Amino acid sequence: MDTDSRPDPPTTTEARLALIDSVLALPFPAGEESEDSGVRSSGPGHHLVILRASRDFWDDRSPELVEPAEQEIEAEFSVLATTLSERWGEPETVDLWPFLEGEEGAPAPPEPMGQLCNLAGSMQVWRVPGSTRWLGLAVGQADPEFPIWLLGAVGETAVLPE
């Protein structure tokens, strides 16, 4: 995802839920086409959105700055997870590490797992009733200097482990 010129993610829980709903309804790009608006990246069979972002930590990675940022992101994760569980039931936890540990010469993992496994260790996943799509929530960070992100992922059920 583009981190240099990205627009700001939604600023309220209601706006984050509205973004989730709109992305769930959004068609996936056709063929090998990809799109990146900064807040949302999309490709064949997936969308990935930044639902909330902390500040970056280029100038200062002290615990006094990082810990409150982590707590804010985790608190919003909890609010969204509770709301989504009320809609669709309890989520399942999907471990993302196996997608990262491909053998040399193995095919790249399907998206959005390829991006997510480089940002987070696991995600909470809801299989959307009446759909072949799933929604995942994860907290991730590309490197210690980068913002901490609350991420939403939408994908096709086939890429999830059974």
N, C-alpha and C. Protein backbone atom coordinates (compact mmCIF):
# COMPACT_ATOMS: atom_id res chain seq x y z
N MET A 1 0.85 -1.18 0.00
CA MET A 1 0.00 0.00 0.00
C MET A 1 0.89 1.23 0.00
N ASP A 2 0.45 2.24 -0.70
CA ASP A 2 1.18 3.49 -0.83
C ASP A 2 1.15 4.22 0.51
N THR A 3 2.32 4.53 1.08
CA THR A 3 2.36 5.22 2.37
C THR A 3 2.78 6.67 2.24
N ASP A 4 3.19 7.11 1.06
CA ASP A 4 3.70 8.47 0.92
C ASP A 4 2.60 9.52 0.75
N SER A 5 1.64 9.26 -0.11
CA SER A 5 0.65 10.28 -0.45
C SER A 5 -0.76 9.78 -0.21
N ARG A 6 -0.94 9.04 0.85
CA ARG A 6 -2.26 8.45 1.07
C ARG A 6 -3.20 9.45 1.72
N PRO A 7 -4.48 9.40 1.34
CA PRO A 7 -5.47 10.21 2.04
C PRO A 7 -5.65 9.64 3.45
N ASP A 8 -6.30 10.40 4.28
CA ASP A 8 -6.49 9.95 5.66
C ASP A 8 -7.58 8.90 5.74
N PRO A 9 -7.38 7.88 6.61
CA PRO A 9 -8.43 6.89 6.85
C PRO A 9 -9.62 7.54 7.56
N PRO A 10 -10.74 6.84 7.66
CA PRO A 10 -11.91 7.39 8.35
C PRO A 10 -11.56 7.75 9.79
N THR A 11 -12.29 8.73 10.35
CA THR A 11 -11.96 9.22 11.69
C THR A 11 -12.92 8.78 12.78
N THR A 12 -14.01 8.11 12.44
CA THR A 12 -14.96 7.65 13.46
C THR A 12 -15.26 6.17 13.25
N THR A 13 -15.73 5.54 14.30
CA THR A 13 -16.13 4.13 14.19
C THR A 13 -17.22 3.97 13.14
N GLU A 14 -18.19 4.87 13.13
CA GLU A 14 -19.28 4.79 12.16
C GLU A 14 -18.75 4.88 10.73
N ALA A 15 -17.80 5.77 10.50
CA ALA A 15 -17.21 5.92 9.16
C ALA A 15 -16.40 4.68 8.79
N ARG A 16 -15.75 4.06 9.76
CA ARG A 16 -14.99 2.83 9.48
C ARG A 16 -15.94 1.70 9.10
N LEU A 17 -17.05 1.58 9.82
CA LEU A 17 -18.05 0.56 9.50
C LEU A 17 -18.66 0.81 8.12
N ALA A 18 -18.91 2.07 7.79
CA ALA A 18 -19.43 2.40 6.46
C ALA A 18 -18.42 2.03 5.38
N LEU A 19 -17.13 2.26 5.63
CA LEU A 19 -16.09 1.89 4.67
C LEU A 19 -16.05 0.37 4.50
N ILE A 20 -16.14 -0.36 5.60
CA ILE A 20 -16.17 -1.82 5.53
C ILE A 20 -17.35 -2.27 4.67
N ASP A 21 -18.53 -1.72 4.92
CA ASP A 21 -19.72 -2.10 4.15
C ASP A 21 -19.55 -1.78 2.67
N SER A 22 -18.98 -0.61 2.37
CA SER A 22 -18.83 -0.25 0.96
C SER A 22 -17.80 -1.13 0.26
N VAL A 23 -16.74 -1.50 0.96
CA VAL A 23 -15.71 -2.35 0.35
C VAL A 23 -16.24 -3.77 0.17
N LEU A 24 -17.08 -4.25 1.10
CA LEU A 24 -17.68 -5.58 0.94
C LEU A 24 -18.53 -5.65 -0.32
N ALA A 25 -19.17 -4.54 -0.68
CA ALA A 25 -20.05 -4.51 -1.85
C ALA A 25 -19.30 -4.17 -3.14
N LEU A 26 -18.07 -3.70 -3.02
CA LEU A 26 -17.30 -3.25 -4.18
C LEU A 26 -16.81 -4.43 -5.01
N PRO A 27 -17.02 -4.38 -6.34
CA PRO A 27 -16.50 -5.47 -7.17
C PRO A 27 -14.97 -5.51 -7.11
N PHE A 28 -14.43 -6.69 -7.28
CA PHE A 28 -12.98 -6.82 -7.37
C PHE A 28 -12.54 -6.40 -8.76
N PRO A 29 -11.34 -5.83 -8.91
CA PRO A 29 -10.85 -5.49 -10.25
C PRO A 29 -10.79 -6.73 -11.14
N ALA A 30 -11.00 -6.51 -12.42
CA ALA A 30 -11.01 -7.62 -13.39
C ALA A 30 -9.58 -8.00 -13.79
N GLY A 31 -9.42 -9.24 -14.18
CA GLY A 31 -8.13 -9.71 -14.69
C GLY A 31 -7.01 -9.52 -13.71
N GLU A 32 -5.89 -9.00 -14.20
CA GLU A 32 -4.72 -8.74 -13.36
C GLU A 32 -4.64 -7.29 -12.91
N GLU A 33 -5.71 -6.55 -13.12
CA GLU A 33 -5.77 -5.14 -12.80
C GLU A 33 -5.62 -4.92 -11.29
N SER A 34 -4.90 -3.87 -10.90
CA SER A 34 -4.76 -3.48 -9.49
C SER A 34 -5.04 -2.00 -9.36
N GLU A 35 -5.51 -1.61 -8.18
CA GLU A 35 -5.79 -0.21 -7.88
C GLU A 35 -5.21 0.11 -6.51
N ASP A 36 -4.76 1.34 -6.31
CA ASP A 36 -4.26 1.77 -4.99
C ASP A 36 -4.58 3.24 -4.80
N SER A 37 -5.51 3.51 -3.87
CA SER A 37 -5.87 4.90 -3.58
C SER A 37 -5.11 5.42 -2.37
N GLY A 38 -4.27 4.59 -1.78
CA GLY A 38 -3.58 4.97 -0.55
C GLY A 38 -4.27 4.39 0.66
N VAL A 39 -5.57 4.60 0.79
CA VAL A 39 -6.34 4.03 1.89
C VAL A 39 -6.84 2.64 1.50
N ARG A 40 -7.09 2.42 0.21
CA ARG A 40 -7.57 1.12 -0.26
C ARG A 40 -6.71 0.64 -1.41
N SER A 41 -6.27 -0.61 -1.32
CA SER A 41 -5.63 -1.25 -2.47
C SER A 41 -6.51 -2.43 -2.85
N SER A 42 -6.64 -2.66 -4.14
CA SER A 42 -7.49 -3.73 -4.64
C SER A 42 -6.80 -4.44 -5.78
N GLY A 43 -7.12 -5.70 -5.92
CA GLY A 43 -6.61 -6.50 -7.02
C GLY A 43 -7.55 -7.67 -7.23
N PRO A 44 -7.18 -8.57 -8.10
CA PRO A 44 -8.05 -9.71 -8.36
C PRO A 44 -8.41 -10.46 -7.07
N GLY A 45 -9.68 -10.49 -6.74
CA GLY A 45 -10.15 -11.25 -5.59
C GLY A 45 -9.91 -10.65 -4.23
N HIS A 46 -9.52 -9.38 -4.14
CA HIS A 46 -9.29 -8.80 -2.81
C HIS A 46 -9.35 -7.28 -2.78
N HIS A 47 -9.61 -6.79 -1.57
CA HIS A 47 -9.47 -5.36 -1.23
C HIS A 47 -8.77 -5.32 0.13
N LEU A 48 -7.96 -4.31 0.35
CA LEU A 48 -7.30 -4.08 1.62
C LEU A 48 -7.44 -2.61 1.94
N VAL A 49 -7.96 -2.29 3.14
CA VAL A 49 -8.19 -0.89 3.51
C VAL A 49 -7.53 -0.57 4.84
N ILE A 50 -7.05 0.66 4.95
CA ILE A 50 -6.55 1.17 6.22
C ILE A 50 -7.74 1.82 6.92
N LEU A 51 -8.14 1.25 8.04
CA LEU A 51 -9.29 1.77 8.78
C LEU A 51 -8.88 2.81 9.81
N ARG A 52 -7.68 2.71 10.31
CA ARG A 52 -7.15 3.71 11.24
C ARG A 52 -5.64 3.61 11.20
N ALA A 53 -4.98 4.74 11.38
CA ALA A 53 -3.52 4.77 11.37
C ALA A 53 -3.02 5.64 12.51
N SER A 54 -1.99 5.18 13.18
CA SER A 54 -1.34 6.01 14.20
C SER A 54 -0.41 6.99 13.48
N ARG A 55 0.23 7.79 14.24
CA ARG A 55 1.30 8.63 13.68
C ARG A 55 2.46 7.73 13.31
N ASP A 56 3.43 8.24 12.57
CA ASP A 56 4.62 7.45 12.32
C ASP A 56 5.62 7.69 13.45
N PHE A 57 6.67 6.89 13.48
CA PHE A 57 7.62 6.94 14.59
C PHE A 57 9.05 7.15 14.09
N TRP A 58 9.19 7.89 12.99
CA TRP A 58 10.51 8.16 12.42
C TRP A 58 11.39 8.94 13.39
N ASP A 59 10.81 9.93 14.04
CA ASP A 59 11.61 10.80 14.91
C ASP A 59 11.77 10.26 16.32
N ASP A 60 10.81 9.45 16.77
CA ASP A 60 10.83 9.01 18.16
C ASP A 60 10.04 7.71 18.29
N ARG A 61 10.74 6.65 18.68
CA ARG A 61 10.09 5.35 18.89
C ARG A 61 10.03 5.01 20.37
N SER A 62 9.99 6.01 21.21
CA SER A 62 9.99 5.76 22.65
C SER A 62 8.67 5.13 23.08
N PRO A 63 8.70 4.31 24.14
CA PRO A 63 7.48 3.67 24.63
C PRO A 63 6.38 4.67 24.98
N GLU A 64 6.76 5.89 25.38
CA GLU A 64 5.77 6.91 25.75
C GLU A 64 4.91 7.31 24.54
N LEU A 65 5.42 7.15 23.34
CA LEU A 65 4.66 7.45 22.12
C LEU A 65 4.04 6.20 21.50
N VAL A 66 4.79 5.12 21.48
CA VAL A 66 4.34 3.91 20.80
C VAL A 66 3.20 3.22 21.56
N GLU A 67 3.34 3.06 22.88
CA GLU A 67 2.33 2.33 23.65
C GLU A 67 0.94 2.96 23.59
N PRO A 68 0.79 4.29 23.75
CA PRO A 68 -0.55 4.86 23.61
C PRO A 68 -1.12 4.68 22.20
N ALA A 69 -0.27 4.76 21.19
CA ALA A 69 -0.73 4.56 19.81
C ALA A 69 -1.23 3.12 19.63
N GLU A 70 -0.48 2.16 20.15
CA GLU A 70 -0.91 0.75 20.09
C GLU A 70 -2.24 0.56 20.80
N GLN A 71 -2.38 1.17 21.98
CA GLN A 71 -3.61 1.03 22.76
C GLN A 71 -4.81 1.62 22.03
N GLU A 72 -4.64 2.77 21.37
CA GLU A 72 -5.74 3.38 20.61
C GLU A 72 -6.18 2.49 19.45
N ILE A 73 -5.21 1.95 18.72
CA ILE A 73 -5.53 1.07 17.59
C ILE A 73 -6.20 -0.20 18.10
N GLU A 74 -5.68 -0.79 19.16
CA GLU A 74 -6.27 -2.02 19.71
C GLU A 74 -7.69 -1.77 20.23
N ALA A 75 -7.92 -0.60 20.84
CA ALA A 75 -9.26 -0.27 21.34
C ALA A 75 -10.25 -0.17 20.18
N GLU A 76 -9.86 0.46 19.08
CA GLU A 76 -10.76 0.56 17.92
C GLU A 76 -10.95 -0.81 17.28
N PHE A 77 -9.91 -1.63 17.24
CA PHE A 77 -10.03 -3.00 16.76
C PHE A 77 -11.11 -3.72 17.57
N SER A 78 -11.07 -3.58 18.88
CA SER A 78 -12.04 -4.25 19.77
C SER A 78 -13.46 -3.77 19.50
N VAL A 79 -13.65 -2.46 19.31
CA VAL A 79 -14.98 -1.91 19.04
C VAL A 79 -15.51 -2.47 17.72
N LEU A 80 -14.69 -2.45 16.68
CA LEU A 80 -15.13 -2.97 15.38
C LEU A 80 -15.40 -4.47 15.45
N ALA A 81 -14.52 -5.21 16.12
CA ALA A 81 -14.70 -6.66 16.22
C ALA A 81 -15.99 -7.00 16.97
N THR A 82 -16.31 -6.25 18.00
CA THR A 82 -17.55 -6.48 18.75
C THR A 82 -18.75 -6.22 17.85
N THR A 83 -18.73 -5.13 17.11
CA THR A 83 -19.84 -4.79 16.22
C THR A 83 -20.01 -5.84 15.12
N LEU A 84 -18.91 -6.26 14.53
CA LEU A 84 -18.97 -7.26 13.46
C LEU A 84 -19.43 -8.62 14.00
N SER A 85 -19.03 -8.95 15.22
CA SER A 85 -19.47 -10.21 15.84
C SER A 85 -20.97 -10.18 16.14
N GLU A 86 -21.49 -9.02 16.47
CA GLU A 86 -22.94 -8.89 16.68
C GLU A 86 -23.69 -9.12 15.37
N ARG A 87 -23.09 -8.73 14.25
CA ARG A 87 -23.70 -8.92 12.93
C ARG A 87 -23.62 -10.38 12.47
N TRP A 88 -22.41 -10.97 12.56
CA TRP A 88 -22.12 -12.22 11.87
C TRP A 88 -21.67 -13.36 12.78
N GLY A 89 -21.66 -13.17 14.07
CA GLY A 89 -21.18 -14.22 14.97
C GLY A 89 -19.69 -14.07 15.25
N GLU A 90 -19.20 -14.98 16.05
CA GLU A 90 -17.80 -14.91 16.46
C GLU A 90 -16.86 -15.17 15.28
N PRO A 91 -15.74 -14.44 15.24
CA PRO A 91 -14.78 -14.63 14.15
C PRO A 91 -13.90 -15.85 14.40
N GLU A 92 -13.18 -16.23 13.36
CA GLU A 92 -12.13 -17.22 13.52
C GLU A 92 -10.80 -16.49 13.43
N THR A 93 -9.79 -17.03 14.07
CA THR A 93 -8.45 -16.45 13.98
C THR A 93 -7.70 -17.16 12.86
N VAL A 94 -7.14 -16.38 11.96
CA VAL A 94 -6.34 -16.93 10.87
C VAL A 94 -4.89 -16.51 11.10
N ASP A 95 -4.02 -17.50 11.23
CA ASP A 95 -2.60 -17.26 11.40
C ASP A 95 -2.01 -16.88 10.05
N LEU A 96 -1.34 -15.75 9.99
CA LEU A 96 -0.78 -15.26 8.72
C LEU A 96 0.66 -15.71 8.49
N TRP A 97 1.34 -16.21 9.51
CA TRP A 97 2.75 -16.60 9.37
C TRP A 97 2.96 -17.66 8.29
N PRO A 98 2.08 -18.68 8.18
CA PRO A 98 2.33 -19.69 7.14
C PRO A 98 2.38 -19.11 5.73
N PHE A 99 1.69 -18.00 5.50
CA PHE A 99 1.73 -17.38 4.18
C PHE A 99 3.08 -16.73 3.91
N LEU A 100 3.78 -16.37 4.97
CA LEU A 100 5.09 -15.73 4.85
C LEU A 100 6.20 -16.75 4.62
N GLU A 101 6.01 -17.96 5.12
CA GLU A 101 7.07 -18.96 5.12
C GLU A 101 7.06 -19.85 3.88
N GLY A 102 6.84 -19.28 2.72
CA GLY A 102 6.85 -20.07 1.50
C GLY A 102 8.24 -20.62 1.22
N GLU A 103 8.28 -21.82 0.67
CA GLU A 103 9.57 -22.40 0.29
C GLU A 103 10.11 -21.65 -0.93
N GLU A 104 11.41 -21.66 -1.06
CA GLU A 104 12.02 -20.99 -2.20
C GLU A 104 11.47 -21.60 -3.49
N GLY A 105 11.05 -20.74 -4.39
CA GLY A 105 10.48 -21.19 -5.65
C GLY A 105 8.99 -21.47 -5.58
N ALA A 106 8.41 -21.40 -4.36
CA ALA A 106 6.97 -21.64 -4.21
C ALA A 106 6.22 -20.42 -4.75
N PRO A 107 5.00 -20.61 -5.22
CA PRO A 107 4.24 -19.46 -5.72
C PRO A 107 3.94 -18.48 -4.59
N ALA A 108 3.81 -17.22 -4.95
CA ALA A 108 3.49 -16.18 -3.97
C ALA A 108 2.10 -16.48 -3.38
N PRO A 109 1.90 -16.13 -2.11
CA PRO A 109 0.58 -16.37 -1.52
C PRO A 109 -0.48 -15.51 -2.20
N PRO A 110 -1.73 -15.96 -2.20
CA PRO A 110 -2.80 -15.17 -2.80
C PRO A 110 -2.99 -13.87 -2.01
N GLU A 111 -3.42 -12.83 -2.70
CA GLU A 111 -3.72 -11.58 -2.02
C GLU A 111 -5.13 -11.66 -1.45
N PRO A 112 -5.38 -11.00 -0.34
CA PRO A 112 -4.52 -10.03 0.33
C PRO A 112 -3.55 -10.64 1.31
N MET A 113 -3.45 -11.99 1.38
CA MET A 113 -2.57 -12.64 2.35
C MET A 113 -1.11 -12.24 2.16
N GLY A 114 -0.69 -12.05 0.92
CA GLY A 114 0.68 -11.66 0.65
C GLY A 114 1.05 -10.34 1.31
N GLN A 115 0.14 -9.39 1.27
CA GLN A 115 0.39 -8.10 1.92
C GLN A 115 0.24 -8.22 3.44
N LEU A 116 -0.84 -8.88 3.87
CA LEU A 116 -1.12 -8.98 5.30
C LEU A 116 -0.03 -9.70 6.08
N CYS A 117 0.52 -10.78 5.52
CA CYS A 117 1.52 -11.55 6.27
C CYS A 117 2.81 -10.75 6.48
N ASN A 118 3.01 -9.69 5.73
CA ASN A 118 4.16 -8.82 5.94
C ASN A 118 3.88 -7.71 6.94
N LEU A 119 2.65 -7.60 7.40
CA LEU A 119 2.25 -6.54 8.32
C LEU A 119 1.78 -7.04 9.68
N ALA A 120 1.20 -8.24 9.71
CA ALA A 120 0.57 -8.74 10.94
C ALA A 120 0.81 -10.24 11.07
N GLY A 121 0.68 -10.75 12.28
CA GLY A 121 0.85 -12.18 12.53
C GLY A 121 -0.43 -12.98 12.41
N SER A 122 -1.57 -12.31 12.64
CA SER A 122 -2.86 -13.01 12.55
C SER A 122 -3.94 -11.98 12.28
N MET A 123 -5.13 -12.49 11.95
CA MET A 123 -6.28 -11.61 11.77
C MET A 123 -7.53 -12.34 12.23
N GLN A 124 -8.52 -11.55 12.60
CA GLN A 124 -9.84 -12.08 12.93
C GLN A 124 -10.67 -12.06 11.65
N VAL A 125 -11.35 -13.16 11.35
CA VAL A 125 -12.06 -13.29 10.09
C VAL A 125 -13.51 -13.68 10.31
N TRP A 126 -14.39 -12.97 9.61
CA TRP A 126 -15.81 -13.30 9.56
C TRP A 126 -16.12 -13.72 8.14
N ARG A 127 -16.76 -14.85 7.97
CA ARG A 127 -17.25 -15.27 6.65
C ARG A 127 -18.63 -14.63 6.51
N VAL A 128 -18.76 -13.78 5.52
CA VAL A 128 -19.97 -12.99 5.36
C VAL A 128 -21.12 -13.90 4.91
N PRO A 129 -22.20 -13.98 5.72
CA PRO A 129 -23.32 -14.86 5.36
C PRO A 129 -23.92 -14.49 4.00
N GLY A 130 -24.24 -15.53 3.23
CA GLY A 130 -24.86 -15.31 1.92
C GLY A 130 -23.89 -14.81 0.87
N SER A 131 -22.59 -14.92 1.13
CA SER A 131 -21.59 -14.38 0.22
C SER A 131 -20.42 -15.37 0.11
N THR A 132 -19.63 -15.20 -0.92
CA THR A 132 -18.39 -15.97 -1.04
C THR A 132 -17.20 -15.15 -0.54
N ARG A 133 -17.50 -14.07 0.15
CA ARG A 133 -16.46 -13.19 0.65
C ARG A 133 -16.29 -13.34 2.16
N TRP A 134 -15.12 -12.95 2.60
CA TRP A 134 -14.84 -12.87 4.03
C TRP A 134 -14.29 -11.47 4.33
N LEU A 135 -14.39 -11.10 5.60
CA LEU A 135 -13.83 -9.83 6.06
C LEU A 135 -12.86 -10.14 7.18
N GLY A 136 -11.67 -9.59 7.09
CA GLY A 136 -10.68 -9.77 8.15
C GLY A 136 -10.28 -8.44 8.74
N LEU A 137 -9.99 -8.45 10.04
CA LEU A 137 -9.44 -7.29 10.74
C LEU A 137 -8.08 -7.69 11.30
N ALA A 138 -7.10 -6.81 11.14
CA ALA A 138 -5.76 -7.07 11.67
C ALA A 138 -5.14 -5.75 12.09
N VAL A 139 -4.23 -5.84 13.03
CA VAL A 139 -3.41 -4.70 13.41
C VAL A 139 -2.01 -5.01 12.91
N GLY A 140 -1.43 -4.09 12.16
CA GLY A 140 -0.13 -4.36 11.58
C GLY A 140 0.73 -3.12 11.46
N GLN A 141 2.00 -3.38 11.21
CA GLN A 141 2.98 -2.32 11.06
C GLN A 141 4.08 -2.83 10.15
N ALA A 142 4.44 -2.06 9.13
CA ALA A 142 5.45 -2.49 8.17
C ALA A 142 6.84 -2.54 8.79
N ASP A 143 7.19 -1.57 9.58
CA ASP A 143 8.46 -1.47 10.29
C ASP A 143 8.24 -0.60 11.52
N PRO A 144 9.13 -0.66 12.52
CA PRO A 144 8.91 0.11 13.75
C PRO A 144 8.76 1.62 13.54
N GLU A 145 9.30 2.15 12.45
CA GLU A 145 9.20 3.60 12.20
C GLU A 145 7.87 3.99 11.56
N PHE A 146 7.17 3.04 10.97
CA PHE A 146 5.94 3.31 10.24
C PHE A 146 4.75 3.39 11.20
N PRO A 147 3.64 3.96 10.71
CA PRO A 147 2.42 3.99 11.53
C PRO A 147 1.93 2.56 11.83
N ILE A 148 1.21 2.44 12.91
CA ILE A 148 0.50 1.21 13.23
C ILE A 148 -0.85 1.33 12.55
N TRP A 149 -1.25 0.29 11.83
CA TRP A 149 -2.49 0.34 11.05
C TRP A 149 -3.52 -0.64 11.60
N LEU A 150 -4.76 -0.21 11.58
CA LEU A 150 -5.89 -1.10 11.74
C LEU A 150 -6.36 -1.38 10.32
N LEU A 151 -6.27 -2.63 9.91
CA LEU A 151 -6.52 -3.00 8.52
C LEU A 151 -7.80 -3.83 8.39
N GLY A 152 -8.51 -3.58 7.32
CA GLY A 152 -9.64 -4.41 6.94
C GLY A 152 -9.30 -5.06 5.61
N ALA A 153 -9.57 -6.35 5.51
CA ALA A 153 -9.30 -7.08 4.28
C ALA A 153 -10.57 -7.80 3.84
N VAL A 154 -10.82 -7.77 2.56
CA VAL A 154 -11.95 -8.50 1.98
C VAL A 154 -11.35 -9.41 0.91
N GLY A 155 -11.75 -10.66 0.95
CA GLY A 155 -11.24 -11.60 -0.03
C GLY A 155 -12.26 -12.67 -0.35
N GLU A 156 -11.87 -13.54 -1.24
CA GLU A 156 -12.72 -14.65 -1.62
C GLU A 156 -12.45 -15.82 -0.67
N THR A 157 -13.51 -16.51 -0.31
CA THR A 157 -13.42 -17.58 0.67
C THR A 157 -12.37 -18.63 0.31
N ALA A 158 -12.15 -18.87 -0.96
CA ALA A 158 -11.23 -19.91 -1.39
C ALA A 158 -9.80 -19.74 -0.88
N VAL A 159 -9.36 -18.52 -0.58
CA VAL A 159 -7.98 -18.34 -0.13
C VAL A 159 -7.81 -18.62 1.36
N LEU A 160 -8.88 -18.76 2.11
CA LEU A 160 -8.78 -19.05 3.53
C LEU A 160 -8.55 -20.52 3.79
N PRO A 161 -7.76 -20.83 4.80
CA PRO A 161 -7.61 -22.25 5.18
C PRO A 161 -8.94 -22.77 5.72
N GLU A 162 -9.24 -24.02 5.46
CA GLU A 162 -10.51 -24.60 5.96
C GLU A 162 -10.40 -24.96 7.40
